[in-house]
C-alpha atoms as a PDB file:
ATOM      1  CA  MET A   1      34.269  18.616  68.531  1.00  0.00           C
ATOM      2  CA  GLN A   2      35.860  21.908  69.373  1.00  0.00           C
ATOM      3  CA  VAL A   3      34.461  24.522  67.005  1.00  0.00           C
ATOM      4  CA  PRO A   4      34.977  28.096  68.187  1.00  0.00           C
ATOM      5  CA  THR A   5      32.441  30.834  67.460  1.00  0.00           C
ATOM      6  CA  LEU A   6      33.515  34.176  66.138  1.00  0.00           C
ATOM      7  CA  ALA A   7      32.089  35.785  69.279  1.00  0.00           C
ATOM      8  CA  GLU A   8      34.389  33.673  71.469  1.00  0.00           C
ATOM      9  CA  LEU A   9      37.501  34.471  69.496  1.00  0.00           C
ATOM     10  CA  THR A  10      36.716  38.140  69.261  1.00  0.00           C
ATOM     11  CA  ALA A  11      36.266  38.317  73.009  1.00  0.00           C
ATOM     12  CA  LYS A  12      39.823  36.948  73.312  1.00  0.00           C
ATOM     13  CA  GLY A  13      41.141  39.496  70.847  1.00  0.00           C
ATOM     14  CA  LYS A  14      41.794  36.881  68.177  1.00  0.00           C
ATOM     15  CA  LYS A  15      40.863  36.934  64.485  1.00  0.00           C
ATOM     16  CA  PRO A  16      40.562  33.617  62.664  1.00  0.00           C
ATOM     17  CA  GLU A  17      42.127  32.932  59.287  1.00  0.00           C
ATOM     18  CA  VAL A  18      38.726  32.116  57.809  1.00  0.00           C
ATOM     19  CA  LEU A  19      35.070  32.078  58.755  1.00  0.00           C
ATOM     20  CA  PHE A  20      33.347  28.688  58.122  1.00  0.00           C
ATOM     21  CA  TRP A  21      29.806  29.450  56.930  1.00  0.00           C
ATOM     22  CA  VAL A  22      27.970  26.195  57.887  1.00  0.00           C
ATOM     23  CA  GLY A  23      24.643  26.891  56.128  1.00  0.00           C
ATOM     24  CA  CYS A  24      21.157  25.530  56.872  1.00  0.00           C
ATOM     25  CA  ALA A  25      21.709  22.022  55.522  1.00  0.00           C
ATOM     26  CA  GLY A  26      25.088  21.657  57.323  1.00  0.00           C
ATOM     27  CA  SER A  27      23.525  22.860  60.578  1.00  0.00           C
ATOM     28  CA  PHE A  28      20.199  21.055  60.661  1.00  0.00           C
ATOM     29  CA  ASP A  29      20.124  18.089  58.171  1.00  0.00           C
ATOM     30  CA  ASP A  30      21.410  14.937  59.836  1.00  0.00           C
ATOM     31  CA  ARG A  31      23.128  13.737  56.675  1.00  0.00           C
ATOM     32  CA  ALA A  32      24.730  17.116  55.945  1.00  0.00           C
ATOM     33  CA  LYS A  33      26.001  17.437  59.480  1.00  0.00           C
ATOM     34  CA  LYS A  34      28.392  14.562  58.694  1.00  0.00           C
ATOM     35  CA  ILE A  35      29.851  16.706  55.867  1.00  0.00           C
ATOM     36  CA  THR A  36      30.198  19.654  58.276  1.00  0.00           C
ATOM     37  CA  LYS A  37      32.026  17.446  60.781  1.00  0.00           C
ATOM     38  CA  SER A  38      34.343  15.964  58.069  1.00  0.00           C
ATOM     39  CA  PHE A  39      35.345  19.477  56.915  1.00  0.00           C
ATOM     40  CA  VAL A  40      36.010  20.548  60.530  1.00  0.00           C
ATOM     41  CA  LYS A  41      38.307  17.518  60.931  1.00  0.00           C
ATOM     42  CA  ILE A  42      40.239  18.581  57.829  1.00  0.00           C
ATOM     43  CA  LEU A  43      40.561  22.173  59.076  1.00  0.00           C
ATOM     44  CA  ASN A  44      41.879  20.860  62.420  1.00  0.00           C
ATOM     45  CA  LYS A  45      44.259  18.423  60.643  1.00  0.00           C
ATOM     46  CA  ALA A  46      45.679  21.312  58.611  1.00  0.00           C
ATOM     47  CA  ASP A  47      45.846  23.493  61.758  1.00  0.00           C
ATOM     48  CA  VAL A  48      43.632  26.237  60.289  1.00  0.00           C
ATOM     49  CA  SER A  49      42.426  28.954  62.590  1.00  0.00           C
ATOM     50  CA  PHE A  50      38.763  29.195  61.875  1.00  0.00           C
ATOM     51  CA  ALA A  51      35.412  30.028  63.582  1.00  0.00           C
ATOM     52  CA  VAL A  52      31.719  29.781  62.932  1.00  0.00           C
ATOM     53  CA  LEU A  53      28.987  32.340  63.646  1.00  0.00           C
ATOM     54  CA  GLY A  54      26.928  29.713  65.514  1.00  0.00           C
ATOM     55  CA  ALA A  55      23.511  31.146  66.608  1.00  0.00           C
ATOM     56  CA  GLU A  56      24.327  34.422  64.830  1.00  0.00           C
ATOM     57  CA  GLU A  57      24.314  32.728  61.397  1.00  0.00           C
ATOM     58  CA  SER A  58      21.038  32.870  59.474  1.00  0.00           C
ATOM     59  CA  CYS A  59      20.014  31.500  56.074  1.00  0.00           C
ATOM     60  CA  THR A  60      21.770  33.410  53.238  1.00  0.00           C
ATOM     61  CA  GLY A  61      18.407  33.934  51.619  1.00  0.00           C
ATOM     62  CA  ASP A  62      19.149  31.744  48.610  1.00  0.00           C
ATOM     63  CA  PRO A  63      15.828  29.745  48.625  1.00  0.00           C
ATOM     64  CA  ALA A  64      13.788  32.956  49.135  1.00  0.00           C
ATOM     65  CA  LYS A  65      15.467  34.641  46.188  1.00  0.00           C
ATOM     66  CA  ARG A  66      15.124  31.617  43.893  1.00  0.00           C
ATOM     67  CA  VAL A  67      11.363  31.399  44.459  1.00  0.00           C
ATOM     68  CA  GLY A  68      11.028  35.118  43.736  1.00  0.00           C
ATOM     69  CA  ASN A  69      10.695  36.632  47.247  1.00  0.00           C
ATOM     70  CA  GLU A  70      13.316  39.304  46.782  1.00  0.00           C
ATOM     71  CA  PHE A  71      12.007  41.282  49.823  1.00  0.00           C
ATOM     72  CA  LEU A  72      12.673  38.289  52.236  1.00  0.00           C
ATOM     73  CA  PHE A  73      16.046  37.651  50.569  1.00  0.00           C
ATOM     74  CA  GLN A  74      17.199  41.225  51.167  1.00  0.00           C
ATOM     75  CA  MET A  75      15.955  41.106  54.751  1.00  0.00           C
ATOM     76  CA  GLN A  76      17.943  37.899  55.426  1.00  0.00           C
ATOM     77  CA  ALA A  77      20.985  39.163  53.525  1.00  0.00           C
ATOM     78  CA  MET A  78      21.133  42.528  55.298  1.00  0.00           C
ATOM     79  CA  ALA A  79      20.887  40.876  58.700  1.00  0.00           C
ATOM     80  CA  ASN A  80      23.816  38.586  57.885  1.00  0.00           C
ATOM     81  CA  ILE A  81      25.889  41.425  56.314  1.00  0.00           C
ATOM     82  CA  GLU A  82      25.407  43.501  59.488  1.00  0.00           C
ATOM     83  CA  VAL A  83      26.767  40.627  61.556  1.00  0.00           C
ATOM     84  CA  LEU A  84      29.682  39.859  59.171  1.00  0.00           C
ATOM     85  CA  ASN A  85      30.733  43.509  58.838  1.00  0.00           C
ATOM     86  CA  ALA A  86      30.567  44.064  62.583  1.00  0.00           C
ATOM     87  CA  TYR A  87      33.142  41.264  62.959  1.00  0.00           C
ATOM     88  CA  GLU A  88      35.126  42.630  59.982  1.00  0.00           C
ATOM     89  CA  VAL A  89      35.034  39.298  58.213  1.00  0.00           C
ATOM     90  CA  THR A  90      37.124  39.163  55.040  1.00  0.00           C
ATOM     91  CA  ARG A  91      37.332  35.410  54.172  1.00  0.00           C
ATOM     92  CA  ILE A  92      34.544  32.893  54.141  1.00  0.00           C
ATOM     93  CA  VAL A  93      34.588  29.147  53.293  1.00  0.00           C
ATOM     94  CA  THR A  94      31.451  27.129  52.824  1.00  0.00           C
ATOM     95  CA  THR A  95      30.540  23.460  52.023  1.00  0.00           C
ATOM     96  CA  CYS A  96      27.354  24.546  50.279  1.00  0.00           C
ATOM     97  CA  PRO A  97      27.491  25.936  46.697  1.00  0.00           C
ATOM     98  CA  HIS A  98      24.165  27.734  47.247  1.00  0.00           C
ATOM     99  CA  CYS A  99      25.642  29.702  50.196  1.00  0.00           C
ATOM    100  CA  PHE A 100      28.889  30.051  48.187  1.00  0.00           C
ATOM    101  CA  ASN A 101      27.123  31.592  45.120  1.00  0.00           C
ATOM    102  CA  THR A 102      24.837  33.908  47.203  1.00  0.00           C
ATOM    103  CA  LEU A 103      27.662  35.232  49.452  1.00  0.00           C
ATOM    104  CA  LYS A 104      30.105  35.618  46.633  1.00  0.00           C
ATOM    105  CA  ASN A 105      27.850  37.109  43.919  1.00  0.00           C
ATOM    106  CA  GLU A 106      24.760  38.614  45.510  1.00  0.00           C
ATOM    107  CA  TYR A 107      25.990  40.083  48.839  1.00  0.00           C
ATOM    108  CA  PRO A 108      28.434  42.656  47.367  1.00  0.00           C
ATOM    109  CA  GLU A 109      25.647  44.915  45.909  1.00  0.00           C
ATOM    110  CA  LEU A 110      24.087  44.974  49.410  1.00  0.00           C
ATOM    111  CA  GLY A 111      27.351  45.986  51.078  1.00  0.00           C
ATOM    112  CA  GLY A 112      28.780  42.525  51.914  1.00  0.00           C
ATOM    113  CA  LYS A 113      32.106  42.211  50.120  1.00  0.00           C
ATOM    114  CA  TYR A 114      34.139  39.091  51.033  1.00  0.00           C
ATOM    115  CA  GLU A 115      36.512  36.601  49.630  1.00  0.00           C
ATOM    116  CA  VAL A 116      34.328  33.499  49.419  1.00  0.00           C
ATOM    117  CA  VAL A 117      35.658  29.996  48.592  1.00  0.00           C
ATOM    118  CA  HIS A 118      34.067  26.585  48.308  1.00  0.00           C
ATOM    119  CA  HIS A 119      35.448  23.854  50.596  1.00  0.00           C
ATOM    120  CA  THR A 120      36.923  21.842  47.693  1.00  0.00           C
ATOM    121  CA  GLN A 121      38.917  24.964  46.566  1.00  0.00           C
ATOM    122  CA  PHE A 122      40.026  25.570  50.168  1.00  0.00           C
ATOM    123  CA  ILE A 123      41.108  21.960  50.729  1.00  0.00           C
ATOM    124  CA  ASN A 124      43.006  21.927  47.436  1.00  0.00           C
ATOM    125  CA  LYS A 125      44.813  25.125  48.493  1.00  0.00           C
ATOM    126  CA  LEU A 126      45.705  23.604  51.910  1.00  0.00           C
ATOM    127  CA  LEU A 127      47.215  20.598  50.096  1.00  0.00           C
ATOM    128  CA  LYS A 128      49.214  22.798  47.657  1.00  0.00           C
ATOM    129  CA  GLU A 129      50.575  24.817  50.614  1.00  0.00           C
ATOM    130  CA  GLU A 130      51.480  21.430  52.171  1.00  0.00           C
ATOM    131  CA  ARG A 131      49.558  22.185  55.386  1.00  0.00           C
ATOM    132  CA  PHE A 132      48.462  18.579  55.313  1.00  0.00           C
ATOM    133  CA  ALA A 133      48.794  15.645  52.932  1.00  0.00           C
ATOM    134  CA  ILE A 134      46.621  12.802  51.769  1.00  0.00           C
ATOM    135  CA  SER A 135      48.618   9.728  52.423  1.00  0.00           C
ATOM    136  CA  GLY A 136      46.011   6.958  52.781  1.00  0.00           C
ATOM    137  CA  SER A 137      45.406   4.484  50.009  1.00  0.00           C
ATOM    138  CA  HIS A 138      41.765   3.595  50.896  1.00  0.00           C
ATOM    139  CA  PHE A 139      40.460   4.615  47.493  1.00  0.00           C
ATOM    140  CA  LYS A 140      43.338   3.455  45.357  1.00  0.00           C
ATOM    141  CA  GLY A 141      41.982   2.260  42.028  1.00  0.00           C
ATOM    142  CA  LYS A 142      38.316   2.694  43.016  1.00  0.00           C
ATOM    143  CA  ARG A 143      36.034   4.105  40.350  1.00  0.00           C
ATOM    144  CA  ILE A 144      34.554   7.403  41.435  1.00  0.00           C
ATOM    145  CA  THR A 145      32.249   9.658  39.354  1.00  0.00           C
ATOM    146  CA  TYR A 146      31.759  13.327  40.287  1.00  0.00           C
ATOM    147  CA  HIS A 147      28.500  15.196  40.030  1.00  0.00           C
ATOM    148  CA  ASP A 148      28.931  18.944  39.328  1.00  0.00           C
ATOM    149  CA  PRO A 149      26.621  21.093  41.513  1.00  0.00           C
ATOM    150  CA  CYS A 150      24.930  23.777  39.389  1.00  0.00           C
ATOM    151  CA  TYR A 151      25.949  26.627  41.639  1.00  0.00           C
ATOM    152  CA  LEU A 152      29.539  25.577  41.798  1.00  0.00           C
ATOM    153  CA  GLY A 153      29.989  24.431  38.206  1.00  0.00           C
ATOM    154  CA  ARG A 154      27.934  26.283  35.586  1.00  0.00           C
ATOM    155  CA  ALA A 155      27.271  29.317  37.879  1.00  0.00           C
ATOM    156  CA  ASN A 156      30.819  29.832  39.000  1.00  0.00           C
ATOM    157  CA  GLN A 157      33.040  27.632  36.706  1.00  0.00           C
ATOM    158  CA  VAL A 158      34.590  25.721  39.579  1.00  0.00           C
ATOM    159  CA  TYR A 159      35.207  22.347  37.907  1.00  0.00           C
ATOM    160  CA  GLU A 160      38.789  21.330  38.610  1.00  0.00           C
ATOM    161  CA  ALA A 161      39.220  21.714  42.374  1.00  0.00           C
ATOM    162  CA  PRO A 162      36.966  18.799  43.288  1.00  0.00           C
ATOM    163  CA  ARG A 163      38.368  16.616  40.463  1.00  0.00           C
ATOM    164  CA  ASP A 164      41.934  17.365  41.627  1.00  0.00           C
ATOM    165  CA  LEU A 165      41.081  16.103  45.049  1.00  0.00           C
ATOM    166  CA  ILE A 166      39.558  12.863  43.727  1.00  0.00           C
ATOM    167  CA  ARG A 167      42.752  12.266  41.730  1.00  0.00           C
ATOM    168  CA  LYS A 168      44.855  12.860  44.838  1.00  0.00           C
ATOM    169  CA  LEU A 169      42.925  10.022  46.466  1.00  0.00           C
ATOM    170  CA  ASP A 170      44.568   7.765  43.835  1.00  0.00           C
ATOM    171  CA  ALA A 171      41.134   6.883  42.601  1.00  0.00           C
ATOM    172  CA  GLU A 172      39.954   6.478  39.033  1.00  0.00           C
ATOM    173  CA  LEU A 173      37.798   9.447  38.098  1.00  0.00           C
ATOM    174  CA  VAL A 174      35.070   8.372  35.656  1.00  0.00           C
ATOM    175  CA  GLU A 175      33.083  11.175  34.091  1.00  0.00           C
ATOM    176  CA  MET A 176      29.344  10.982  33.377  1.00  0.00           C
ATOM    177  CA  LYS A 177      28.099  11.768  29.871  1.00  0.00           C
ATOM    178  CA  GLY A 178      26.803  15.061  31.168  1.00  0.00           C
ATOM    179  CA  CYS A 179      29.641  16.774  33.155  1.00  0.00           C
ATOM    180  CA  LYS A 180      31.249  20.138  33.734  1.00  0.00           C
ATOM    181  CA  SER A 181      29.417  22.795  31.678  1.00  0.00           C
ATOM    182  CA  LYS A 182      27.042  20.090  30.350  1.00  0.00           C
ATOM    183  CA  GLY A 183      26.285  18.721  33.843  1.00  0.00           C
ATOM    184  CA  LEU A 184      22.683  17.943  34.710  1.00  0.00           C
ATOM    185  CA  CYS A 185      21.015  19.500  37.771  1.00  0.00           C
ATOM    186  CA  CYS A 186      20.268  17.105  40.657  1.00  0.00           C
ATOM    187  CA  GLY A 187      16.772  18.584  40.876  1.00  0.00           C
ATOM    188  CA  ALA A 188      17.174  20.485  44.119  1.00  0.00           C
ATOM    189  CA  GLY A 189      18.247  23.971  42.983  1.00  0.00           C
ATOM    190  CA  GLY A 190      15.916  26.956  42.785  1.00  0.00           C
ATOM    191  CA  ALA A 191      14.328  25.904  46.139  1.00  0.00           C
ATOM    192  CA  GLN A 192      12.935  22.741  44.413  1.00  0.00           C
ATOM    193  CA  MET A 193      14.495  20.909  47.374  1.00  0.00           C
ATOM    194  CA  PHE A 194      11.630  21.998  49.553  1.00  0.00           C
ATOM    195  CA  LYS A 195       8.621  21.022  47.416  1.00  0.00           C
ATOM    196  CA  GLU A 196       7.159  18.052  45.665  1.00  0.00           C
ATOM    197  CA  PRO A 197       7.994  17.773  41.902  1.00  0.00           C
ATOM    198  CA  GLU A 198       5.474  18.710  39.245  1.00  0.00           C
ATOM    199  CA  LYS A 199       3.900  15.970  37.219  1.00  0.00           C
ATOM    200  CA  GLY A 200       6.145  14.517  34.473  1.00  0.00           C
ATOM    201  CA  ASP A 201       7.670  11.329  33.090  1.00  0.00           C
ATOM    202  CA  LYS A 202      10.692  11.156  35.469  1.00  0.00           C
ATOM    203  CA  ASP A 203      12.184  13.139  38.319  1.00  0.00           C
ATOM    204  CA  ILE A 204      15.486  14.876  37.487  1.00  0.00           C
ATOM    205  CA  ASN A 205      17.417  13.209  40.366  1.00  0.00           C
ATOM    206  CA  ILE A 206      16.415   9.745  38.841  1.00  0.00           C
ATOM    207  CA  GLU A 207      17.693  10.812  35.455  1.00  0.00           C
ATOM    208  CA  ARG A 208      20.993  12.057  36.998  1.00  0.00           C
ATOM    209  CA  THR A 209      21.398   8.940  39.088  1.00  0.00           C
ATOM    210  CA  GLU A 210      20.896   6.769  35.961  1.00  0.00           C
ATOM    211  CA  GLN A 211      23.761   8.694  34.355  1.00  0.00           C
ATOM    212  CA  ALA A 212      25.918   8.089  37.407  1.00  0.00           C
ATOM    213  CA  LEU A 213      25.120   4.339  37.407  1.00  0.00           C
ATOM    214  CA  GLU A 214      26.084   4.072  33.747  1.00  0.00           C
ATOM    215  CA  THR A 215      29.757   4.817  34.756  1.00  0.00           C
ATOM    216  CA  GLN A 216      29.769   1.666  36.879  1.00  0.00           C
ATOM    217  CA  SER A 217      31.433   3.632  39.694  1.00  0.00           C
ATOM    218  CA  GLU A 218      31.577   2.567  43.284  1.00  0.00           C
ATOM    219  CA  ILE A 219      31.097   6.040  44.596  1.00  0.00           C
ATOM    220  CA  ILE A 220      29.245   9.195  43.496  1.00  0.00           C
ATOM    221  CA  ALA A 221      31.269  12.163  44.818  1.00  0.00           C
ATOM    222  CA  ALA A 222      29.375  15.351  45.488  1.00  0.00           C
ATOM    223  CA  GLY A 223      30.310  18.890  46.629  1.00  0.00           C
ATOM    224  CA  CYS A 224      26.877  20.019  47.820  1.00  0.00           C
ATOM    225  CA  PRO A 225      24.578  18.846  50.591  1.00  0.00           C
ATOM    226  CA  PHE A 226      21.483  19.278  48.372  1.00  0.00           C
ATOM    227  CA  CYS A 227      23.037  17.243  45.555  1.00  0.00           C
ATOM    228  CA  ASN A 228      24.077  14.627  48.152  1.00  0.00           C
ATOM    229  CA  THR A 229      20.456  14.231  49.295  1.00  0.00           C
ATOM    230  CA  MET A 230      19.024  14.050  45.774  1.00  0.00           C
ATOM    231  CA  MET A 231      21.602  11.532  44.498  1.00  0.00           C
ATOM    232  CA  THR A 232      21.195   9.415  47.634  1.00  0.00           C
ATOM    233  CA  ASP A 233      17.380   9.346  47.040  1.00  0.00           C
ATOM    234  CA  GLY A 234      18.049   8.429  43.465  1.00  0.00           C
ATOM    235  CA  VAL A 235      20.254   5.499  44.461  1.00  0.00           C
ATOM    236  CA  LYS A 236      17.559   4.353  46.898  1.00  0.00           C
ATOM    237  CA  ASN A 237      14.979   4.589  44.160  1.00  0.00           C
ATOM    238  CA  LYS A 238      17.095   2.222  42.004  1.00  0.00           C
ATOM    239  CA  GLU A 239      17.686  -0.091  45.026  1.00  0.00           C
ATOM    240  CA  LYS A 240      21.460   0.224  44.538  1.00  0.00           C
ATOM    241  CA  GLU A 241      22.425   1.224  48.100  1.00  0.00           C
ATOM    242  CA  ASN A 242      24.655  -1.896  48.342  1.00  0.00           C
ATOM    243  CA  ASP A 243      26.456  -1.140  45.056  1.00  0.00           C
ATOM    244  CA  ILE A 244      27.208   2.623  45.091  1.00  0.00           C
ATOM    245  CA  GLU A 245      27.767   5.219  47.825  1.00  0.00           C
ATOM    246  CA  VAL A 246      27.159   8.960  47.702  1.00  0.00           C
ATOM    247  CA  LYS A 247      29.815  10.884  49.531  1.00  0.00           C
ATOM    248  CA  ASP A 248      31.024  14.498  49.809  1.00  0.00           C
ATOM    249  CA  ILE A 249      34.555  15.142  48.841  1.00  0.00           C
ATOM    250  CA  ALA A 250      35.447  16.162  52.374  1.00  0.00           C
ATOM    251  CA  GLU A 251      34.133  12.775  53.623  1.00  0.00           C
ATOM    252  CA  LEU A 252      36.263  10.974  51.123  1.00  0.00           C
ATOM    253  CA  ILE A 253      39.389  12.754  52.376  1.00  0.00           C
ATOM    254  CA  VAL A 254      38.516  12.053  56.041  1.00  0.00           C
ATOM    255  CA  THR A 255      38.035   8.365  55.238  1.00  0.00           C
ATOM    256  CA  ALA A 256      41.336   8.169  53.273  1.00  0.00           C
ATOM    257  CA  GLU A 257      43.212   9.850  56.127  1.00  0.00           C
ATOM    258  CA  ASP A 258      41.231   7.928  58.831  1.00  0.00           C
ATOM    259  CA  LEU A 259      40.665  11.226  60.681  1.00  0.00           C
END
């Protein structure tokens, strides 16, 4: 796949429309790489001029901050801000709500002020501007439930963009009993993704998966690589891999359009 770096474009005297912040999961996790590739396919389909930082991109510092290591967070953030400001970046799109929240809400006070959008918002905007269209009927009539990522939903009140995209797939959107502002965490936030759970009666991702299974949907749609992992693990725990899929919204659009 042809994905230009910001350094390459700058050397040619070009400035992209938007910087795609890939994030740690989207760069290194094999499952999340598929989400990254799907979003790149959509950007290319819509003829969006974009670039990535590549090797110049580092972790936003979200996990460090959530576990209380403010010093490490600020070191990581300042290093990224230095790179972003040197390139005079103004617009950033990311497939990870953790990166989205940190770049949008926590970088400004450290000198990193950018317009930051989540990929579901960005794709929705591209469709409204008629830069591409969803024409495939692959998901027509299929039951899809959507899991709200904490850092996209409750933290930033982005609820409708992902749901609009599911409706544009001609699918039947079925809500879980806990959705939008009452959505339940998948269990990965606050750097919990990187440690074993404490003792208790039930893991949060199992509880959330049970809520998704209650909707009798064929697909659990997610908008976060962490949520995707936790819900996939929940489905495996219930031995329901043959009955229900966990897919990022970008992947659903790519499948519908056969990109």
